[in-house]
């Protein structure tokens, strides 16, 4: 089925993301506990920033709204985005002394990975409503919001302002749930703000566990994906994607279809980055008129490539790379 989203063709930017931008430190000595790792390689991190990088790698005209620290790490992150061709005119340098959120990744094995996060006074949560300009929002065909940015003020209000401006200007809104429990005060707070944001979004993407979190007040204990999706169709949603890890994803459309996405099993280096690379390629496909099924296939191919690499942001593939991977993967198993 062709996707049922209407993108405004006269917008100079294809895509704008708002929210978390941070630093990943990935150990070079992998397949061991973090305490045994000695050296690390730094990369840009943060789900919305990674998705913006994924979109830019695919050739989309991309922008970002966010805040970075007034120090070397902030300059590195802004410069990284600019180096990828991402418009940085709405990436602001914070002057309050807030610092870049830092993630130390642990790669004990290809399937046993974890994070140690340093997010005390994190600068990405300093994005303010004054940073959200209507002219910038309406210059894009699509806006992506990410759940972590809803966890605290002033970032929370900035995201809701962006949502309202996007709806006013006929911009398709994507919601990457991106649940990070350490960022929130309680599960109830999370569920309330996630739900309020989801009501304003056209496409919602998350894991089954993330949707469980959103439903913990209104539909606690529900495990039926269709029941979950239908709730959001009563608001603005047209597509709801529920991810089930290795089993793949199911996309539900407002017309009542359930589309099972392709899966490309690979031997991973780590589990990080799969969701961000999937989201970037999935959104790219939809913006470029691909069917939901084809967009999901593109997302799955991108995710397989990124989990096979040491990095997330640096590994975001081009469109040709994903197409070659899918074509050759099918040849290998045929």
C-alpha atoms as a PDB file:
ATOM      1  CA  UNK A   1       0.000   0.000   0.000  1.00  0.00           C
ATOM      2  CA  UNK A   2       1.185   3.534  -0.778  1.00  0.00           C
ATOM      3  CA  UNK A   3       1.625   5.697   2.275  1.00  0.00           C
ATOM      4  CA  UNK A   4      -1.234   8.009   3.176  1.00  0.00           C
ATOM      5  CA  UNK A   5       0.844  11.003   4.242  1.00  0.00           C
ATOM      6  CA  UNK A   6       0.697  14.329   2.420  1.00  0.00           C
ATOM      7  CA  UNK A   7       4.020  16.190   2.318  1.00  0.00           C
ATOM      8  CA  UNK A   8       4.099  19.806   1.158  1.00  0.00           C
ATOM      9  CA  UNK A   9       6.330  19.805  -1.911  1.00  0.00           C
ATOM     10  CA  UNK A  10       7.227  23.513  -1.840  1.00  0.00           C
ATOM     11  CA  UNK A  11       9.315  23.379   1.363  1.00  0.00           C
ATOM     12  CA  UNK A  12      13.089  23.982   1.079  1.00  0.00           C
ATOM     13  CA  UNK A  13      13.929  21.424   3.780  1.00  0.00           C
ATOM     14  CA  UNK A  14      12.784  17.824   3.694  1.00  0.00           C
ATOM     15  CA  UNK A  15      13.170  17.226   7.389  1.00  0.00           C
ATOM     16  CA  UNK A  16      13.823  18.959  10.718  1.00  0.00           C
ATOM     17  CA  UNK A  17      14.443  17.199  14.046  1.00  0.00           C
ATOM     18  CA  UNK A  18      14.285  18.737  17.517  1.00  0.00           C
ATOM     19  CA  UNK A  19      15.771  17.506  20.784  1.00  0.00           C
ATOM     20  CA  UNK A  20      18.648  15.470  22.111  1.00  0.00           C
ATOM     21  CA  UNK A  21      22.144  15.865  20.725  1.00  0.00           C
ATOM     22  CA  UNK A  22      25.005  14.427  22.747  1.00  0.00           C
ATOM     23  CA  UNK A  23      28.243  12.515  22.787  1.00  0.00           C
ATOM     24  CA  UNK A  24      28.778   8.757  22.557  1.00  0.00           C
ATOM     25  CA  UNK A  25      32.040   7.252  23.774  1.00  0.00           C
ATOM     26  CA  UNK A  26      32.300   3.728  22.369  1.00  0.00           C
ATOM     27  CA  UNK A  27      35.011   1.393  23.688  1.00  0.00           C
ATOM     28  CA  UNK A  28      37.605   0.239  21.193  1.00  0.00           C
ATOM     29  CA  UNK A  29      38.198  -2.917  23.260  1.00  0.00           C
ATOM     30  CA  UNK A  30      34.841  -4.629  22.757  1.00  0.00           C
ATOM     31  CA  UNK A  31      33.334  -7.947  23.878  1.00  0.00           C
ATOM     32  CA  UNK A  32      34.382  -7.318  27.469  1.00  0.00           C
ATOM     33  CA  UNK A  33      32.998  -5.397  30.486  1.00  0.00           C
ATOM     34  CA  UNK A  34      33.315  -1.632  30.362  1.00  0.00           C
ATOM     35  CA  UNK A  35      35.747  -1.622  33.287  1.00  0.00           C
ATOM     36  CA  UNK A  36      38.203  -3.548  31.109  1.00  0.00           C
ATOM     37  CA  UNK A  37      37.980  -1.070  28.222  1.00  0.00           C
ATOM     38  CA  UNK A  38      40.878   1.360  28.007  1.00  0.00           C
ATOM     39  CA  UNK A  39      40.360   3.576  24.949  1.00  0.00           C
ATOM     40  CA  UNK A  40      37.237   5.072  23.426  1.00  0.00           C
ATOM     41  CA  UNK A  41      36.215   6.711  20.175  1.00  0.00           C
ATOM     42  CA  UNK A  42      33.880   9.684  20.348  1.00  0.00           C
ATOM     43  CA  UNK A  43      30.872  10.067  18.086  1.00  0.00           C
ATOM     44  CA  UNK A  44      27.848  12.296  17.863  1.00  0.00           C
ATOM     45  CA  UNK A  45      24.909  10.698  19.695  1.00  0.00           C
ATOM     46  CA  UNK A  46      21.309  11.266  20.737  1.00  0.00           C
ATOM     47  CA  UNK A  47      18.365   9.778  18.882  1.00  0.00           C
ATOM     48  CA  UNK A  48      17.030  12.861  17.031  1.00  0.00           C
ATOM     49  CA  UNK A  49      20.556  13.958  16.108  1.00  0.00           C
ATOM     50  CA  UNK A  50      21.376  10.459  14.846  1.00  0.00           C
ATOM     51  CA  UNK A  51      18.157  10.391  12.813  1.00  0.00           C
ATOM     52  CA  UNK A  52      19.039  13.778  11.296  1.00  0.00           C
ATOM     53  CA  UNK A  53      22.464  12.389  10.336  1.00  0.00           C
ATOM     54  CA  UNK A  54      20.782   9.309   8.845  1.00  0.00           C
ATOM     55  CA  UNK A  55      18.483  11.519   6.765  1.00  0.00           C
ATOM     56  CA  UNK A  56      21.372  13.662   5.551  1.00  0.00           C
ATOM     57  CA  UNK A  57      23.378  10.556   4.572  1.00  0.00           C
ATOM     58  CA  UNK A  58      20.437   9.466   2.433  1.00  0.00           C
ATOM     59  CA  UNK A  59      20.453  12.805   0.616  1.00  0.00           C
ATOM     60  CA  UNK A  60      17.589  14.571   2.387  1.00  0.00           C
ATOM     61  CA  UNK A  61      17.803  18.319   3.008  1.00  0.00           C
ATOM     62  CA  UNK A  62      17.927  18.285   6.782  1.00  0.00           C
ATOM     63  CA  UNK A  63      17.878  20.737   9.678  1.00  0.00           C
ATOM     64  CA  UNK A  64      18.076  20.499  13.450  1.00  0.00           C
ATOM     65  CA  UNK A  65      16.717  22.483  16.407  1.00  0.00           C
ATOM     66  CA  UNK A  66      18.704  22.086  19.602  1.00  0.00           C
ATOM     67  CA  UNK A  67      21.225  23.441  22.074  1.00  0.00           C
ATOM     68  CA  UNK A  68      24.884  22.592  22.558  1.00  0.00           C
ATOM     69  CA  UNK A  69      27.367  23.460  25.297  1.00  0.00           C
ATOM     70  CA  UNK A  70      29.582  26.516  25.113  1.00  0.00           C
ATOM     71  CA  UNK A  71      32.763  24.452  25.017  1.00  0.00           C
ATOM     72  CA  UNK A  72      34.851  22.144  22.830  1.00  0.00           C
ATOM     73  CA  UNK A  73      32.255  19.359  22.890  1.00  0.00           C
ATOM     74  CA  UNK A  74      29.500  21.720  21.836  1.00  0.00           C
ATOM     75  CA  UNK A  75      31.656  22.986  18.986  1.00  0.00           C
ATOM     76  CA  UNK A  76      32.445  19.409  17.976  1.00  0.00           C
ATOM     77  CA  UNK A  77      28.758  18.453  17.803  1.00  0.00           C
ATOM     78  CA  UNK A  78      27.687  21.524  15.855  1.00  0.00           C
ATOM     79  CA  UNK A  79      30.634  21.133  13.507  1.00  0.00           C
ATOM     80  CA  UNK A  80      29.829  17.448  13.003  1.00  0.00           C
ATOM     81  CA  UNK A  81      26.281  18.302  11.941  1.00  0.00           C
ATOM     82  CA  UNK A  82      27.522  20.989   9.568  1.00  0.00           C
ATOM     83  CA  UNK A  83      30.061  18.548   8.131  1.00  0.00           C
ATOM     84  CA  UNK A  84      27.184  16.223   7.251  1.00  0.00           C
ATOM     85  CA  UNK A  85      25.423  19.035   5.389  1.00  0.00           C
ATOM     86  CA  UNK A  86      22.795  19.595   8.082  1.00  0.00           C
ATOM     87  CA  UNK A  87      21.467  23.139   8.463  1.00  0.00           C
ATOM     88  CA  UNK A  88      22.683  24.404  11.854  1.00  0.00           C
ATOM     89  CA  UNK A  89      20.984  27.803  11.916  1.00  0.00           C
ATOM     90  CA  UNK A  90      18.705  26.574  14.743  1.00  0.00           C
ATOM     91  CA  UNK A  91      21.452  24.875  16.768  1.00  0.00           C
ATOM     92  CA  UNK A  92      22.065  27.346  19.594  1.00  0.00           C
ATOM     93  CA  UNK A  93      24.988  27.603  22.006  1.00  0.00           C
ATOM     94  CA  UNK A  94      23.800  27.583  25.618  1.00  0.00           C
ATOM     95  CA  UNK A  95      25.379  30.138  27.958  1.00  0.00           C
ATOM     96  CA  UNK A  96      24.186  28.773  31.325  1.00  0.00           C
ATOM     97  CA  UNK A  97      27.093  26.374  31.885  1.00  0.00           C
ATOM     98  CA  UNK A  98      25.089  23.255  31.060  1.00  0.00           C
ATOM     99  CA  UNK A  99      27.160  20.387  29.680  1.00  0.00           C
ATOM    100  CA  UNK A 100      26.865  17.885  26.867  1.00  0.00           C
ATOM    101  CA  UNK A 101      25.056  14.652  27.737  1.00  0.00           C
ATOM    102  CA  UNK A 102      27.555  11.806  27.652  1.00  0.00           C
ATOM    103  CA  UNK A 103      26.931   8.111  26.973  1.00  0.00           C
ATOM    104  CA  UNK A 104      29.570   5.483  27.682  1.00  0.00           C
ATOM    105  CA  UNK A 105      28.545   2.392  25.764  1.00  0.00           C
ATOM    106  CA  UNK A 106      29.381  -1.101  26.998  1.00  0.00           C
ATOM    107  CA  UNK A 107      29.718  -3.846  24.382  1.00  0.00           C
ATOM    108  CA  UNK A 108      30.098  -7.099  26.334  1.00  0.00           C
ATOM    109  CA  UNK A 109      28.938  -9.153  23.361  1.00  0.00           C
ATOM    110  CA  UNK A 110      26.977  -8.545  20.163  1.00  0.00           C
ATOM    111  CA  UNK A 111      23.743  -9.014  22.133  1.00  0.00           C
ATOM    112  CA  UNK A 112      24.748  -7.802  25.616  1.00  0.00           C
ATOM    113  CA  UNK A 113      25.146  -4.040  25.439  1.00  0.00           C
ATOM    114  CA  UNK A 114      24.374  -1.310  27.935  1.00  0.00           C
ATOM    115  CA  UNK A 115      24.859   2.397  28.592  1.00  0.00           C
ATOM    116  CA  UNK A 116      26.179   4.551  31.391  1.00  0.00           C
ATOM    117  CA  UNK A 117      24.653   7.998  30.960  1.00  0.00           C
ATOM    118  CA  UNK A 118      25.890  11.298  32.374  1.00  0.00           C
ATOM    119  CA  UNK A 119      23.012  13.768  32.072  1.00  0.00           C
ATOM    120  CA  UNK A 120      23.275  16.058  35.086  1.00  0.00           C
ATOM    121  CA  UNK A 121      22.246  19.536  33.865  1.00  0.00           C
ATOM    122  CA  UNK A 122      22.252  18.217  30.282  1.00  0.00           C
ATOM    123  CA  UNK A 123      22.485  21.002  27.722  1.00  0.00           C
ATOM    124  CA  UNK A 124      20.097  19.398  25.217  1.00  0.00           C
ATOM    125  CA  UNK A 125      17.225  19.963  27.675  1.00  0.00           C
ATOM    126  CA  UNK A 126      17.934  23.725  27.554  1.00  0.00           C
ATOM    127  CA  UNK A 127      16.310  24.168  24.140  1.00  0.00           C
ATOM    128  CA  UNK A 128      13.773  26.927  24.743  1.00  0.00           C
ATOM    129  CA  UNK A 129      10.545  28.069  23.161  1.00  0.00           C
ATOM    130  CA  UNK A 130      12.425  31.131  21.872  1.00  0.00           C
ATOM    131  CA  UNK A 131      14.583  28.775  19.781  1.00  0.00           C
ATOM    132  CA  UNK A 132      11.537  27.462  17.939  1.00  0.00           C
ATOM    133  CA  UNK A 133      10.808  29.804  15.036  1.00  0.00           C
ATOM    134  CA  UNK A 134       7.669  29.386  12.937  1.00  0.00           C
ATOM    135  CA  UNK A 135       9.518  30.328   9.751  1.00  0.00           C
ATOM    136  CA  UNK A 136      12.002  27.520  10.371  1.00  0.00           C
ATOM    137  CA  UNK A 137       9.353  24.932  11.233  1.00  0.00           C
ATOM    138  CA  UNK A 138       7.295  25.727   8.147  1.00  0.00           C
ATOM    139  CA  UNK A 139      10.356  25.483   5.890  1.00  0.00           C
ATOM    140  CA  UNK A 140      10.246  21.676   6.308  1.00  0.00           C
ATOM    141  CA  UNK A 141       8.105  18.873   4.902  1.00  0.00           C
ATOM    142  CA  UNK A 142       8.455  16.834   8.095  1.00  0.00           C
ATOM    143  CA  UNK A 143       9.277  17.370  11.764  1.00  0.00           C
ATOM    144  CA  UNK A 144      10.631  14.715  14.118  1.00  0.00           C
ATOM    145  CA  UNK A 145      10.204  14.962  17.869  1.00  0.00           C
ATOM    146  CA  UNK A 146      11.850  12.581  20.308  1.00  0.00           C
ATOM    147  CA  UNK A 147      10.536  11.557  23.709  1.00  0.00           C
ATOM    148  CA  UNK A 148      13.552  12.481  25.809  1.00  0.00           C
ATOM    149  CA  UNK A 149      13.068  16.172  25.002  1.00  0.00           C
ATOM    150  CA  UNK A 150       9.695  16.038  26.812  1.00  0.00           C
ATOM    151  CA  UNK A 151      11.302  15.089  30.133  1.00  0.00           C
ATOM    152  CA  UNK A 152      12.009  18.585  31.492  1.00  0.00           C
ATOM    153  CA  UNK A 153      11.394  22.291  31.009  1.00  0.00           C
ATOM    154  CA  UNK A 154      12.161  24.377  29.003  1.00  0.00           C
ATOM    155  CA  UNK A 155      12.706  21.638  26.396  1.00  0.00           C
ATOM    156  CA  UNK A 156       9.211  20.224  26.961  1.00  0.00           C
ATOM    157  CA  UNK A 157       7.496  23.507  26.120  1.00  0.00           C
ATOM    158  CA  UNK A 158       9.748  24.016  23.096  1.00  0.00           C
ATOM    159  CA  UNK A 159       8.689  20.643  21.690  1.00  0.00           C
ATOM    160  CA  UNK A 160       4.993  21.348  22.207  1.00  0.00           C
ATOM    161  CA  UNK A 161       5.441  24.730  20.515  1.00  0.00           C
ATOM    162  CA  UNK A 162       7.104  22.991  17.567  1.00  0.00           C
ATOM    163  CA  UNK A 163       4.241  20.466  17.429  1.00  0.00           C
ATOM    164  CA  UNK A 164       1.592  23.192  17.348  1.00  0.00           C
ATOM    165  CA  UNK A 165       3.450  25.167  14.668  1.00  0.00           C
ATOM    166  CA  UNK A 166       3.889  22.025  12.588  1.00  0.00           C
ATOM    167  CA  UNK A 167       0.176  21.210  12.759  1.00  0.00           C
ATOM    168  CA  UNK A 168      -0.677  24.819  11.875  1.00  0.00           C
ATOM    169  CA  UNK A 169       1.560  24.677   8.772  1.00  0.00           C
ATOM    170  CA  UNK A 170       0.605  21.218   7.425  1.00  0.00           C
ATOM    171  CA  UNK A 171       3.911  19.589   8.320  1.00  0.00           C
ATOM    172  CA  UNK A 172       3.932  15.824   8.812  1.00  0.00           C
ATOM    173  CA  UNK A 173       5.026  15.069  12.379  1.00  0.00           C
ATOM    174  CA  UNK A 174       6.964  11.946  13.386  1.00  0.00           C
ATOM    175  CA  UNK A 175       7.291  10.853  17.019  1.00  0.00           C
ATOM    176  CA  UNK A 176      10.234   8.673  18.018  1.00  0.00           C
ATOM    177  CA  UNK A 177       9.213   7.576  21.523  1.00  0.00           C
ATOM    178  CA  UNK A 178      12.839   7.185  22.700  1.00  0.00           C
ATOM    179  CA  UNK A 179      12.069   6.270  26.325  1.00  0.00           C
ATOM    180  CA  UNK A 180      15.054   6.776  28.628  1.00  0.00           C
ATOM    181  CA  UNK A 181      13.882   6.069  32.204  1.00  0.00           C
ATOM    182  CA  UNK A 182      16.813   7.863  33.882  1.00  0.00           C
ATOM    183  CA  UNK A 183      15.637  11.159  32.376  1.00  0.00           C
ATOM    184  CA  UNK A 184      12.178  11.092  33.968  1.00  0.00           C
ATOM    185  CA  UNK A 185      10.872  11.550  37.518  1.00  0.00           C
ATOM    186  CA  UNK A 186       8.228   8.803  37.258  1.00  0.00           C
ATOM    187  CA  UNK A 187       6.529   6.432  34.836  1.00  0.00           C
ATOM    188  CA  UNK A 188       3.243   8.293  35.321  1.00  0.00           C
ATOM    189  CA  UNK A 189       4.811  11.617  34.301  1.00  0.00           C
ATOM    190  CA  UNK A 190       6.285   9.924  31.233  1.00  0.00           C
ATOM    191  CA  UNK A 191       2.983   8.381  30.193  1.00  0.00           C
ATOM    192  CA  UNK A 192       1.103  11.676  30.504  1.00  0.00           C
ATOM    193  CA  UNK A 193       3.499  13.820  28.454  1.00  0.00           C
ATOM    194  CA  UNK A 194       4.141  11.116  25.860  1.00  0.00           C
ATOM    195  CA  UNK A 195       0.405  10.727  25.347  1.00  0.00           C
ATOM    196  CA  UNK A 196      -0.176  14.472  25.027  1.00  0.00           C
ATOM    197  CA  UNK A 197       2.557  14.641  22.377  1.00  0.00           C
ATOM    198  CA  UNK A 198       1.410  11.511  20.530  1.00  0.00           C
ATOM    199  CA  UNK A 199      -2.052  13.022  20.071  1.00  0.00           C
ATOM    200  CA  UNK A 200      -0.498  15.669  17.799  1.00  0.00           C
ATOM    201  CA  UNK A 201       1.615  13.325  15.658  1.00  0.00           C
ATOM    202  CA  UNK A 202       1.007  11.722  12.250  1.00  0.00           C
ATOM    203  CA  UNK A 203       3.442   8.817  12.602  1.00  0.00           C
ATOM    204  CA  UNK A 204       4.430   7.212  15.919  1.00  0.00           C
ATOM    205  CA  UNK A 205       7.366   4.779  16.116  1.00  0.00           C
ATOM    206  CA  UNK A 206       8.388   2.803  19.183  1.00  0.00           C
ATOM    207  CA  UNK A 207       9.001  -0.583  20.730  1.00  0.00           C
ATOM    208  CA  UNK A 208       6.236  -2.629  22.312  1.00  0.00           C
ATOM    209  CA  UNK A 209       7.734  -1.758  25.702  1.00  0.00           C
ATOM    210  CA  UNK A 210       7.629   1.971  24.907  1.00  0.00           C
ATOM    211  CA  UNK A 211       3.983   1.775  23.938  1.00  0.00           C
ATOM    212  CA  UNK A 212       3.319  -0.144  27.170  1.00  0.00           C
ATOM    213  CA  UNK A 213       4.767   2.848  29.008  1.00  0.00           C
ATOM    214  CA  UNK A 214       2.464   5.251  27.152  1.00  0.00           C
ATOM    215  CA  UNK A 215      -0.581   3.101  27.977  1.00  0.00           C
ATOM    216  CA  UNK A 216       0.169   2.451  31.643  1.00  0.00           C
ATOM    217  CA  UNK A 217      -2.555   4.862  32.824  1.00  0.00           C
ATOM    218  CA  UNK A 218      -5.227   4.493  30.142  1.00  0.00           C
ATOM    219  CA  UNK A 219      -4.858   0.855  29.085  1.00  0.00           C
ATOM    220  CA  UNK A 220      -2.521  -0.887  31.516  1.00  0.00           C
ATOM    221  CA  UNK A 221      -1.666  -4.486  30.658  1.00  0.00           C
ATOM    222  CA  UNK A 222      -2.695  -4.256  27.008  1.00  0.00           C
ATOM    223  CA  UNK A 223      -0.436  -6.263  24.693  1.00  0.00           C
ATOM    224  CA  UNK A 224      -2.589  -6.079  21.563  1.00  0.00           C
ATOM    225  CA  UNK A 225      -0.725  -3.997  18.978  1.00  0.00           C
ATOM    226  CA  UNK A 226      -3.873  -3.148  17.052  1.00  0.00           C
ATOM    227  CA  UNK A 227      -5.620  -1.839  20.171  1.00  0.00           C
ATOM    228  CA  UNK A 228      -2.559   0.337  20.797  1.00  0.00           C
ATOM    229  CA  UNK A 229      -2.501   1.719  17.253  1.00  0.00           C
ATOM    230  CA  UNK A 230      -6.247   2.365  17.102  1.00  0.00           C
ATOM    231  CA  UNK A 231      -6.082   4.692  20.087  1.00  0.00           C
ATOM    232  CA  UNK A 232      -3.828   7.095  18.173  1.00  0.00           C
ATOM    233  CA  UNK A 233      -5.879   6.893  14.960  1.00  0.00           C
ATOM    234  CA  UNK A 234      -8.665   8.605  16.923  1.00  0.00           C
ATOM    235  CA  UNK A 235      -6.358  11.653  17.121  1.00  0.00           C
ATOM    236  CA  UNK A 236      -3.987  12.598  14.240  1.00  0.00           C
ATOM    237  CA  UNK A 237      -2.005   9.413  13.629  1.00  0.00           C
ATOM    238  CA  UNK A 238      -2.072   7.808  10.195  1.00  0.00           C
ATOM    239  CA  UNK A 239       0.708   5.242  10.746  1.00  0.00           C
ATOM    240  CA  UNK A 240       1.788   3.561  13.989  1.00  0.00           C
ATOM    241  CA  UNK A 241       4.914   1.373  13.910  1.00  0.00           C
ATOM    242  CA  UNK A 242       5.418  -1.071  16.779  1.00  0.00           C
ATOM    243  CA  UNK A 243       8.836  -2.714  16.926  1.00  0.00           C
ATOM    244  CA  UNK A 244       9.419  -6.199  18.312  1.00  0.00           C
ATOM    245  CA  UNK A 245      13.224  -6.472  18.305  1.00  0.00           C
ATOM    246  CA  UNK A 246      14.579  -9.357  16.259  1.00  0.00           C
ATOM    247  CA  UNK A 247      11.044 -10.307  15.224  1.00  0.00           C
ATOM    248  CA  UNK A 248      10.808  -7.066  13.240  1.00  0.00           C
ATOM    249  CA  UNK A 249       8.171  -4.360  13.070  1.00  0.00           C
ATOM    250  CA  UNK A 250       4.492  -4.087  12.300  1.00  0.00           C
ATOM    251  CA  UNK A 251       3.053  -0.876  10.821  1.00  0.00           C
ATOM    252  CA  UNK A 252      -0.634  -0.205  11.343  1.00  0.00           C
ATOM    253  CA  UNK A 253      -2.378   2.278   9.062  1.00  0.00           C
ATOM    254  CA  UNK A 254      -5.513   4.281   9.706  1.00  0.00           C
ATOM    255  CA  UNK A 255      -7.175   2.380   6.829  1.00  0.00           C
ATOM    256  CA  UNK A 256      -6.902  -0.816   8.877  1.00  0.00           C
ATOM    257  CA  UNK A 257      -3.867  -2.473   7.326  1.00  0.00           C
ATOM    258  CA  UNK A 258      -1.190  -4.280   9.333  1.00  0.00           C
ATOM    259  CA  UNK A 259       2.101  -4.477   7.433  1.00  0.00           C
ATOM    260  CA  UNK A 260       4.871  -6.726   8.695  1.00  0.00           C
ATOM    261  CA  UNK A 261       8.271  -5.260   7.927  1.00  0.00           C
ATOM    262  CA  UNK A 262      11.240  -7.080   6.435  1.00  0.00           C
ATOM    263  CA  UNK A 263      13.974  -8.390   8.735  1.00  0.00           C
ATOM    264  CA  UNK A 264      17.645  -8.816   7.784  1.00  0.00           C
ATOM    265  CA  UNK A 265      19.361 -10.890  10.488  1.00  0.00           C
ATOM    266  CA  UNK A 266      23.075 -10.122  10.757  1.00  0.00           C
ATOM    267  CA  UNK A 267      25.843 -10.833  13.243  1.00  0.00           C
ATOM    268  CA  UNK A 268      25.953  -7.476  15.045  1.00  0.00           C
ATOM    269  CA  UNK A 269      28.875  -5.682  16.647  1.00  0.00           C
ATOM    270  CA  UNK A 270      26.445  -4.002  19.065  1.00  0.00           C
ATOM    271  CA  UNK A 271      22.748  -3.299  19.474  1.00  0.00           C
ATOM    272  CA  UNK A 272      22.978   0.520  19.582  1.00  0.00           C
ATOM    273  CA  UNK A 273      21.847   2.610  16.642  1.00  0.00           C
ATOM    274  CA  UNK A 274      19.340   0.192  15.167  1.00  0.00           C
ATOM    275  CA  UNK A 275      16.312   2.309  16.055  1.00  0.00           C
ATOM    276  CA  UNK A 276      17.796   5.590  14.843  1.00  0.00           C
ATOM    277  CA  UNK A 277      19.036   4.174  11.535  1.00  0.00           C
ATOM    278  CA  UNK A 278      15.690   2.417  11.017  1.00  0.00           C
ATOM    279  CA  UNK A 279      13.763   5.637  11.694  1.00  0.00           C
ATOM    280  CA  UNK A 280      15.911   7.721   9.348  1.00  0.00           C
ATOM    281  CA  UNK A 281      15.534   5.396   6.377  1.00  0.00           C
ATOM    282  CA  UNK A 282      11.847   4.724   7.106  1.00  0.00           C
ATOM    283  CA  UNK A 283      11.063   8.457   7.185  1.00  0.00           C
ATOM    284  CA  UNK A 284      13.165   9.047   4.058  1.00  0.00           C
ATOM    285  CA  UNK A 285      11.169   6.407   2.213  1.00  0.00           C
ATOM    286  CA  UNK A 286       7.831   7.903   3.207  1.00  0.00           C
ATOM    287  CA  UNK A 287       8.865  11.471   2.296  1.00  0.00           C
ATOM    288  CA  UNK A 288       9.955  10.205  -1.124  1.00  0.00           C
ATOM    289  CA  UNK A 289       6.629   8.518  -1.857  1.00  0.00           C
ATOM    290  CA  UNK A 290       7.605   4.921  -1.150  1.00  0.00           C
ATOM    291  CA  UNK A 291       5.007   2.523   0.202  1.00  0.00           C
ATOM    292  CA  UNK A 292       4.913   1.805   3.915  1.00  0.00           C
ATOM    293  CA  UNK A 293       6.233  -1.708   3.214  1.00  0.00           C
ATOM    294  CA  UNK A 294       9.140  -0.454   1.068  1.00  0.00           C
ATOM    295  CA  UNK A 295       9.988   2.238   3.623  1.00  0.00           C
ATOM    296  CA  UNK A 296      10.087  -0.400   6.367  1.00  0.00           C
ATOM    297  CA  UNK A 297      12.381  -2.548   4.233  1.00  0.00           C
ATOM    298  CA  UNK A 298      14.715   0.422   3.754  1.00  0.00           C
ATOM    299  CA  UNK A 299      14.685   1.011   7.515  1.00  0.00           C
ATOM    300  CA  UNK A 300      15.458  -2.629   8.301  1.00  0.00           C
ATOM    301  CA  UNK A 301      18.345  -2.657   5.827  1.00  0.00           C
ATOM    302  CA  UNK A 302      19.801   0.512   7.330  1.00  0.00           C
ATOM    303  CA  UNK A 303      19.497  -0.889  10.858  1.00  0.00           C
ATOM    304  CA  UNK A 304      21.302  -4.097   9.867  1.00  0.00           C
ATOM    305  CA  UNK A 305      24.182  -2.081   8.418  1.00  0.00           C
ATOM    306  CA  UNK A 306      24.550   0.151  11.491  1.00  0.00           C
ATOM    307  CA  UNK A 307      24.483  -2.624  14.124  1.00  0.00           C
ATOM    308  CA  UNK A 308      27.283  -4.275  12.150  1.00  0.00           C
ATOM    309  CA  UNK A 309      29.487  -1.209  12.734  1.00  0.00           C
ATOM    310  CA  UNK A 310      31.346   0.211  15.748  1.00  0.00           C
ATOM    311  CA  UNK A 311      29.591   3.575  15.557  1.00  0.00           C
ATOM    312  CA  UNK A 312      26.036   4.832  15.121  1.00  0.00           C
ATOM    313  CA  UNK A 313      26.270   8.297  13.543  1.00  0.00           C
ATOM    314  CA  UNK A 314      29.393   7.592  11.477  1.00  0.00           C
ATOM    315  CA  UNK A 315      27.863   4.383  10.109  1.00  0.00           C
ATOM    316  CA  UNK A 316      24.644   5.885   8.726  1.00  0.00           C
ATOM    317  CA  UNK A 317      24.501   4.521   5.158  1.00  0.00           C
ATOM    318  CA  UNK A 318      23.707   6.117   1.812  1.00  0.00           C
ATOM    319  CA  UNK A 319      20.681   5.052  -0.201  1.00  0.00           C
ATOM    320  CA  UNK A 320      22.845   3.098  -2.647  1.00  0.00           C
ATOM    321  CA  UNK A 321      24.547   1.282   0.231  1.00  0.00           C
ATOM    322  CA  UNK A 322      21.192   0.176   1.664  1.00  0.00           C
ATOM    323  CA  UNK A 323      19.871  -0.903  -1.731  1.00  0.00           C
ATOM    324  CA  UNK A 324      23.042  -2.899  -2.423  1.00  0.00           C
ATOM    325  CA  UNK A 325      22.832  -4.522   1.011  1.00  0.00           C
ATOM    326  CA  UNK A 326      19.196  -5.578   0.491  1.00  0.00           C
ATOM    327  CA  UNK A 327      19.815  -6.842  -3.033  1.00  0.00           C
ATOM    328  CA  UNK A 328      22.898  -8.844  -2.070  1.00  0.00           C
ATOM    329  CA  UNK A 329      21.268 -10.111   1.130  1.00  0.00           C
ATOM    330  CA  UNK A 330      18.419 -11.560  -0.894  1.00  0.00           C
ATOM    331  CA  UNK A 331      20.922 -13.168  -3.264  1.00  0.00           C
ATOM    332  CA  UNK A 332      22.809 -14.731  -0.366  1.00  0.00           C
ATOM    333  CA  UNK A 333      19.713 -16.425   1.055  1.00  0.00           C
ATOM    334  CA  UNK A 334      18.112 -17.400  -2.281  1.00  0.00           C
END
